Amino acid sequence: MPNIRQILSAKTTEIDAWLHAYFAKLGNTNGYPRALLLAAEYSLFSGGKRIRPALALLVNEAYGAEPARALPIAAALEMIHTYSCIHDDLPAMDNDDFRRGRPSCHRQYNEATAILAGDALLTEAFAALALVPDREYLPELVRLLAEAAGFQGMVAGQTADIAAEGGEAELAFIHAHKTGALLTASVLLPAIIHNPPASDLASIRKFGESLGLAFQIVDDILNETADAEILGKPTGTDREAGKLTWVTLHGLDRARQMAKTEIDNAKSAIEFLGTAGASLRLLADYVLLRDR
C-alpha cells in the first residue's frame, strides 16, 4: 500500500488538475478582472496540504467510487479553505505577512484585492459544488457546506477567536467551528452522495469532528515548537499575541496527549469501513505527526 505522502501527492494531482481546468475557463471569460483571478490563484495554488479535498476523495474512494463523483465537492472545499486563509491573514484578523513560505495574499497584492479574492473564492465554491454528478443530493450538500462555512461554522469560530478571553469551553467552541466544521464537512459531503445508513453517517461525522479537533491542537503545538522555515510562517505568534490555545491552557505535553486521543477516537469511528478505510486512518496519523 502507498504511504500517506504518496497518497496525498496523488490526490493533490487530481484536485489541482480539476482546479486548473476550472480556473482556465474563468480566465477565458470576457471582462473577468485579471488581477482578481491572479490573486485567487496565487493563494489557491500556493502548495497547501490539500487535507480537506484529500479527505473528500478518500471517503469517496472508500465507497468504491471514481474520483469524478467527488471532485466538485473537493474543489469547493479547497476554495472555501483558501478564502478563509486569505482573510485570516489580513491585518484586521491574524495580521500574518507570510503563509506557506511566501508573502500572504494581501502582502503580494494589496488588502482590497485580497479581500475580494477571498470573496470570489467563497462564492465560486458553490458554483463548483453545483457540478456534482449526484444532483439529487445537491440541496443537502449546499446546506451542509454553507452551515460549515458560515454563521454556524467557520465564520462563527473566527469571530469567537477574535473575541476570546479564556476558558476551555470557549476554546473548544472556537476550534470545533473555525477548523473542525469544514474538516467534518470534508468527510460528510462525499459520504452523503453514497446514501449510507444513518449510523454510518454518524460515525463518519465523529471521525471528522475528532480529526478536526486534533488538527487544531497540532496547529497550536506547531506554532510553539515548529521550525519557522519548515512551517512556512513565523512561530511563537500565538504566545506573543496572548492567544487562547490548547498549549497555553494545558502545556505542550498535555496538548500532545489530547491530540493523540482525538486521533485514536477518529480511527475508531471508521472501523466499520474495514480495509476500505485504511487510507483515511493513515491520513489521521499524518495529521498527528505532521511538521507543518
Protein backbone atom coordinates (compact mmCIF):
# COMPACT_ATOMS: atom_id res chain seq x y z
CA MET A 1 0.00 0.00 0.00
CA PRO A 2 1.32 3.52 -0.78
CA ASN A 3 2.44 5.65 2.16
CA ILE A 4 0.49 8.74 3.14
CA ARG A 5 2.75 11.18 1.31
CA GLN A 6 2.26 9.21 -1.92
CA ILE A 7 -1.49 9.14 -1.32
CA LEU A 8 -1.65 12.89 -0.66
CA SER A 9 0.52 13.59 -3.71
CA ALA A 10 -1.83 11.56 -5.92
CA LYS A 11 -4.92 13.29 -4.54
CA THR A 12 -3.29 16.71 -4.88
CA THR A 13 -2.56 15.96 -8.54
CA GLU A 14 -6.22 15.05 -9.11
CA ILE A 15 -7.66 18.10 -7.38
CA ASP A 16 -5.13 20.52 -8.86
CA ALA A 17 -5.87 19.29 -12.39
CA TRP A 18 -9.59 19.88 -11.78
CA LEU A 19 -9.00 23.33 -10.29
CA HIS A 20 -6.61 24.41 -13.05
CA ALA A 21 -9.17 23.41 -15.69
CA TYR A 22 -11.92 25.26 -13.82
CA PHE A 23 -9.92 28.45 -13.42
CA ALA A 24 -8.70 28.33 -17.02
CA LYS A 25 -12.34 28.66 -18.07
CA LEU A 26 -12.79 31.64 -15.74
CA GLY A 27 -9.71 33.26 -17.24
CA ASN A 28 -11.23 32.99 -20.72
CA THR A 29 -14.35 34.89 -19.70
CA ASN A 30 -14.58 38.30 -21.37
CA GLY A 31 -14.23 41.11 -18.86
CA TYR A 32 -13.10 38.91 -16.00
CA PRO A 33 -10.89 41.05 -13.70
CA ARG A 34 -7.43 39.61 -14.31
CA ALA A 35 -5.88 40.91 -11.07
CA LEU A 36 -8.64 39.28 -9.03
CA LEU A 37 -8.12 35.93 -10.75
CA LEU A 38 -4.34 36.11 -10.29
CA ALA A 39 -4.69 36.87 -6.59
CA ALA A 40 -7.10 33.99 -6.07
CA GLU A 41 -4.84 31.58 -7.99
CA TYR A 42 -1.78 32.86 -6.09
CA SER A 43 -3.27 31.58 -2.85
CA LEU A 44 -5.13 28.58 -4.25
CA PHE A 45 -2.00 27.11 -5.85
CA SER A 46 0.48 28.03 -3.13
CA GLY A 47 1.44 24.49 -2.15
CA GLY A 48 -1.13 23.77 0.54
CA LYS A 49 -1.50 20.31 2.06
CA ARG A 50 -4.91 19.76 0.40
CA ILE A 51 -6.11 17.87 3.50
CA ARG A 52 -9.78 18.76 3.02
CA PRO A 53 -10.11 17.74 -0.63
CA ALA A 54 -7.96 14.67 0.04
CA LEU A 55 -10.40 13.63 2.77
CA ALA A 56 -13.31 14.06 0.37
CA LEU A 57 -11.64 11.96 -2.31
CA LEU A 58 -10.61 9.25 0.17
CA VAL A 59 -14.12 8.92 1.61
CA ASN A 60 -15.48 8.66 -1.92
CA GLU A 61 -12.82 6.05 -2.68
CA ALA A 62 -13.73 4.09 0.45
CA TYR A 63 -17.19 3.65 -1.09
CA GLY A 64 -15.61 2.28 -4.26
CA ALA A 65 -16.42 5.28 -6.48
CA GLU A 66 -14.40 7.03 -9.17
CA PRO A 67 -12.85 10.42 -8.27
CA ALA A 68 -15.13 12.29 -10.70
CA ARG A 69 -18.06 11.82 -8.32
CA ALA A 70 -16.36 13.79 -5.54
CA LEU A 71 -14.03 16.21 -7.35
CA PRO A 72 -16.55 19.10 -7.40
CA ILE A 73 -17.00 18.62 -3.65
CA ALA A 74 -13.24 18.52 -3.12
CA ALA A 75 -12.77 21.68 -5.21
CA ALA A 76 -15.47 23.58 -3.34
CA LEU A 77 -13.89 22.65 0.00
CA GLU A 78 -10.45 23.84 -1.10
CA MET A 79 -11.82 27.12 -2.45
CA ILE A 80 -13.53 27.84 0.86
CA HIS A 81 -10.43 26.86 2.84
CA THR A 82 -8.27 29.12 0.67
CA TYR A 83 -10.66 32.04 1.07
CA SER A 84 -10.52 31.58 4.84
CA CYS A 85 -6.70 31.58 4.79
CA ILE A 86 -6.61 34.80 2.73
CA HIS A 87 -8.98 36.54 5.14
CA ASP A 88 -7.35 35.12 8.29
CA ASP A 89 -4.02 36.64 7.25
CA LEU A 90 -5.46 40.16 6.87
CA PRO A 91 -4.32 42.92 9.25
CA ALA A 92 -7.77 43.08 10.83
CA MET A 93 -7.66 39.36 11.62
CA ASP A 94 -4.43 37.46 12.40
CA ASN A 95 -2.18 40.01 10.67
CA ASP A 96 0.18 37.41 9.14
CA ASP A 97 2.61 38.53 6.45
CA PHE A 98 3.56 35.02 5.35
CA ARG A 99 1.81 31.77 4.52
CA ARG A 100 3.44 28.59 3.21
CA GLY A 101 6.81 30.30 2.99
CA ARG A 102 5.83 33.25 0.83
CA PRO A 103 4.01 36.58 1.24
CA SER A 104 0.35 36.43 2.21
CA CYS A 105 -2.11 37.42 -0.49
CA HIS A 106 -2.59 40.95 0.88
CA ARG A 107 1.19 41.44 1.01
CA GLN A 108 1.73 40.13 -2.53
CA TYR A 109 -1.11 42.22 -3.98
CA ASN A 110 -2.93 44.60 -1.65
CA GLU A 111 -5.52 44.40 1.08
CA ALA A 112 -8.54 45.26 -1.07
CA THR A 113 -7.59 42.72 -3.75
CA ALA A 114 -7.04 40.03 -1.12
CA ILE A 115 -10.46 40.66 0.43
CA LEU A 116 -12.14 40.47 -2.97
CA ALA A 117 -10.18 37.35 -3.97
CA GLY A 118 -11.43 35.65 -0.82
CA ASP A 119 -14.98 36.81 -1.52
CA ALA A 120 -14.77 35.46 -5.06
CA LEU A 121 -13.44 32.07 -3.95
CA LEU A 122 -16.18 31.66 -1.36
CA THR A 123 -18.87 32.45 -3.90
CA GLU A 124 -17.30 30.39 -6.68
CA ALA A 125 -17.13 27.36 -4.38
CA PHE A 126 -20.87 26.88 -4.65
CA ALA A 127 -20.74 27.08 -8.46
CA ALA A 128 -18.12 24.32 -8.35
CA LEU A 129 -20.22 22.25 -5.96
CA ALA A 130 -23.18 22.53 -8.36
CA LEU A 131 -21.22 20.39 -10.85
CA VAL A 132 -21.54 17.29 -8.65
CA PRO A 133 -22.90 14.40 -10.76
CA ASP A 134 -25.22 13.14 -7.99
CA ARG A 135 -27.59 16.04 -8.41
CA GLU A 136 -30.34 14.61 -6.24
CA TYR A 137 -28.14 15.29 -3.21
CA LEU A 138 -27.18 18.83 -4.21
CA PRO A 139 -29.63 20.70 -1.90
CA GLU A 140 -28.30 18.80 1.11
CA LEU A 141 -24.70 19.32 0.02
CA VAL A 142 -25.24 23.07 -0.36
CA ARG A 143 -26.94 23.29 3.03
CA LEU A 144 -24.19 21.42 4.84
CA LEU A 145 -21.35 23.30 3.15
CA ALA A 146 -22.95 26.67 3.91
CA GLU A 147 -23.52 25.56 7.50
CA ALA A 148 -19.87 24.54 7.85
CA ALA A 149 -18.60 27.82 6.40
CA GLY A 150 -20.98 30.43 7.80
CA PHE A 151 -22.86 31.53 10.91
CA GLN A 152 -22.94 28.01 12.34
CA GLY A 153 -19.38 27.07 11.37
CA MET A 154 -16.08 28.58 10.34
CA VAL A 155 -17.05 32.28 10.46
CA ALA A 156 -18.61 31.80 13.88
CA GLY A 157 -15.38 30.21 15.08
CA GLN A 158 -13.24 33.02 13.70
CA THR A 159 -15.49 35.61 15.35
CA ALA A 160 -15.21 33.85 18.70
CA ASP A 161 -11.45 33.54 18.25
CA ILE A 162 -11.05 37.29 17.82
CA ALA A 163 -13.04 37.96 20.99
CA ALA A 164 -11.64 35.04 23.03
CA GLU A 165 -10.93 35.80 26.68
CA GLY A 166 -10.13 32.37 28.09
CA GLY A 167 -11.51 29.01 29.15
CA GLU A 168 -11.55 25.51 27.72
CA ALA A 169 -15.23 25.56 26.76
CA GLU A 170 -14.69 28.70 24.70
CA LEU A 171 -11.60 27.24 23.07
CA ALA A 172 -13.47 24.03 22.21
CA PHE A 173 -16.22 26.10 20.56
CA ILE A 174 -13.69 28.12 18.56
CA HIS A 175 -11.87 25.11 17.19
CA ALA A 176 -14.96 22.97 16.58
CA HIS A 177 -16.24 25.78 14.37
CA LYS A 178 -13.18 27.57 12.98
CA THR A 179 -11.31 24.39 11.99
CA GLY A 180 -13.48 21.39 12.77
CA ALA A 181 -16.62 22.37 10.86
CA LEU A 182 -15.01 22.40 7.42
CA LEU A 183 -12.97 19.26 8.13
CA THR A 184 -16.16 17.48 9.20
CA ALA A 185 -17.89 18.68 6.03
CA SER A 186 -14.97 17.24 4.08
CA VAL A 187 -15.96 13.72 5.10
CA LEU A 188 -19.72 14.18 5.41
CA LEU A 189 -20.41 15.60 1.94
CA PRO A 190 -18.72 12.81 -0.04
CA ALA A 191 -20.36 10.22 2.20
CA ILE A 192 -23.84 11.66 1.62
CA ILE A 193 -23.73 11.06 -2.14
CA HIS A 194 -23.45 7.33 -1.38
CA ASN A 195 -26.58 7.34 0.81
CA PRO A 196 -25.11 5.35 3.75
CA PRO A 197 -27.13 4.21 6.77
CA ALA A 198 -27.65 6.87 9.43
CA SER A 199 -25.37 5.01 11.84
CA ASP A 200 -22.51 5.03 9.33
CA LEU A 201 -23.00 8.72 8.65
CA ALA A 202 -22.89 9.44 12.38
CA SER A 203 -19.61 7.52 12.63
CA ILE A 204 -18.15 9.45 9.70
CA ARG A 205 -19.20 12.70 11.37
CA LYS A 206 -17.44 11.57 14.55
CA PHE A 207 -14.32 10.83 12.52
CA GLY A 208 -14.39 14.37 11.09
CA GLU A 209 -15.04 16.03 14.43
CA SER A 210 -12.22 14.21 16.23
CA LEU A 211 -9.84 14.75 13.31
CA GLY A 212 -10.71 18.45 13.24
CA LEU A 213 -10.00 18.89 16.94
CA ALA A 214 -6.71 17.01 16.68
CA PHE A 215 -5.74 19.12 13.65
CA GLN A 216 -6.19 22.35 15.59
CA ILE A 217 -4.39 21.07 18.69
CA VAL A 218 -1.44 20.11 16.48
CA ASP A 219 -1.58 23.56 14.85
CA ASP A 220 -1.28 25.10 18.32
CA ILE A 221 1.67 22.83 19.13
CA LEU A 222 3.42 23.64 15.85
CA ASN A 223 3.01 27.37 16.43
CA GLU A 224 5.02 26.89 19.60
CA THR A 225 7.57 24.27 18.55
CA ALA A 226 7.99 24.07 14.75
CA ASP A 227 10.86 25.32 12.64
CA ALA A 228 9.56 28.55 11.07
CA GLU A 229 11.24 27.73 7.74
CA ILE A 230 9.52 24.34 7.56
CA LEU A 231 6.20 25.73 8.80
CA GLY A 232 6.33 28.50 6.20
CA LYS A 233 5.42 31.31 8.60
CA PRO A 234 6.66 32.77 11.90
CA THR A 235 6.28 30.66 15.06
CA GLY A 236 5.52 31.73 18.60
CA THR A 237 2.98 34.26 17.34
CA ASP A 238 0.10 32.82 19.38
CA ARG A 239 2.05 33.23 22.63
CA GLU A 240 3.23 36.73 21.70
CA ALA A 241 -0.33 37.79 20.89
CA GLY A 242 -1.68 36.27 24.11
CA LYS A 243 -3.99 33.98 22.12
CA LEU A 244 -6.03 31.26 23.75
CA THR A 245 -4.64 27.87 22.61
CA TRP A 246 -4.50 24.29 23.83
CA VAL A 247 -0.83 24.82 24.65
CA THR A 248 -1.44 27.93 26.76
CA LEU A 249 -4.25 26.15 28.60
CA HIS A 250 -2.65 22.74 29.15
CA GLY A 251 1.05 22.89 28.25
CA LEU A 252 2.82 21.01 25.47
CA ASP A 253 2.80 17.51 26.96
CA ARG A 254 -0.89 17.52 27.77
CA ALA A 255 -1.75 19.05 24.38
CA ARG A 256 0.19 16.29 22.60
CA GLN A 257 -1.68 13.63 24.58
CA MET A 258 -5.03 15.25 23.80
CA ALA A 259 -4.22 15.27 20.08
CA LYS A 260 -3.30 11.58 20.16
CA THR A 261 -6.52 10.72 21.98
CA GLU A 262 -8.60 12.51 19.34
CA ILE A 263 -6.78 10.72 16.53
CA ASP A 264 -7.42 7.39 18.25
CA ASN A 265 -11.10 8.35 18.52
CA ALA A 266 -11.20 9.29 14.85
CA LYS A 267 -9.71 5.99 13.72
CA SER A 268 -12.05 4.02 15.97
CA ALA A 269 -15.05 5.80 14.48
CA ILE A 270 -14.39 4.42 10.99
CA GLU A 271 -13.64 0.84 11.93
CA PHE A 272 -16.88 -0.08 10.15
CA LEU A 273 -15.17 0.75 6.82
CA GLY A 274 -12.68 -2.08 7.34
CA THR A 275 -9.81 -2.16 4.85
CA ALA A 276 -11.60 0.43 2.69
CA GLY A 277 -10.82 2.99 5.39
CA ALA A 278 -7.08 2.25 5.55
CA SER A 279 -6.04 5.43 3.72
CA LEU A 280 -8.27 7.56 5.96
CA ARG A 281 -6.60 6.07 9.02
CA LEU A 282 -3.18 6.81 7.52
CA LEU A 283 -4.27 10.39 6.96
CA ALA A 284 -5.38 10.64 10.57
CA ASP A 285 -1.91 9.54 11.69
CA TYR A 286 -0.37 12.10 9.35
CA VAL A 287 -2.41 14.90 10.96
CA LEU A 288 -0.93 13.92 14.32
CA LEU A 289 2.68 13.63 13.16
CA ARG A 290 2.89 16.47 10.60
CA ASP A 291 5.57 19.15 10.88
CA ARG A 292 3.77 21.95 9.01
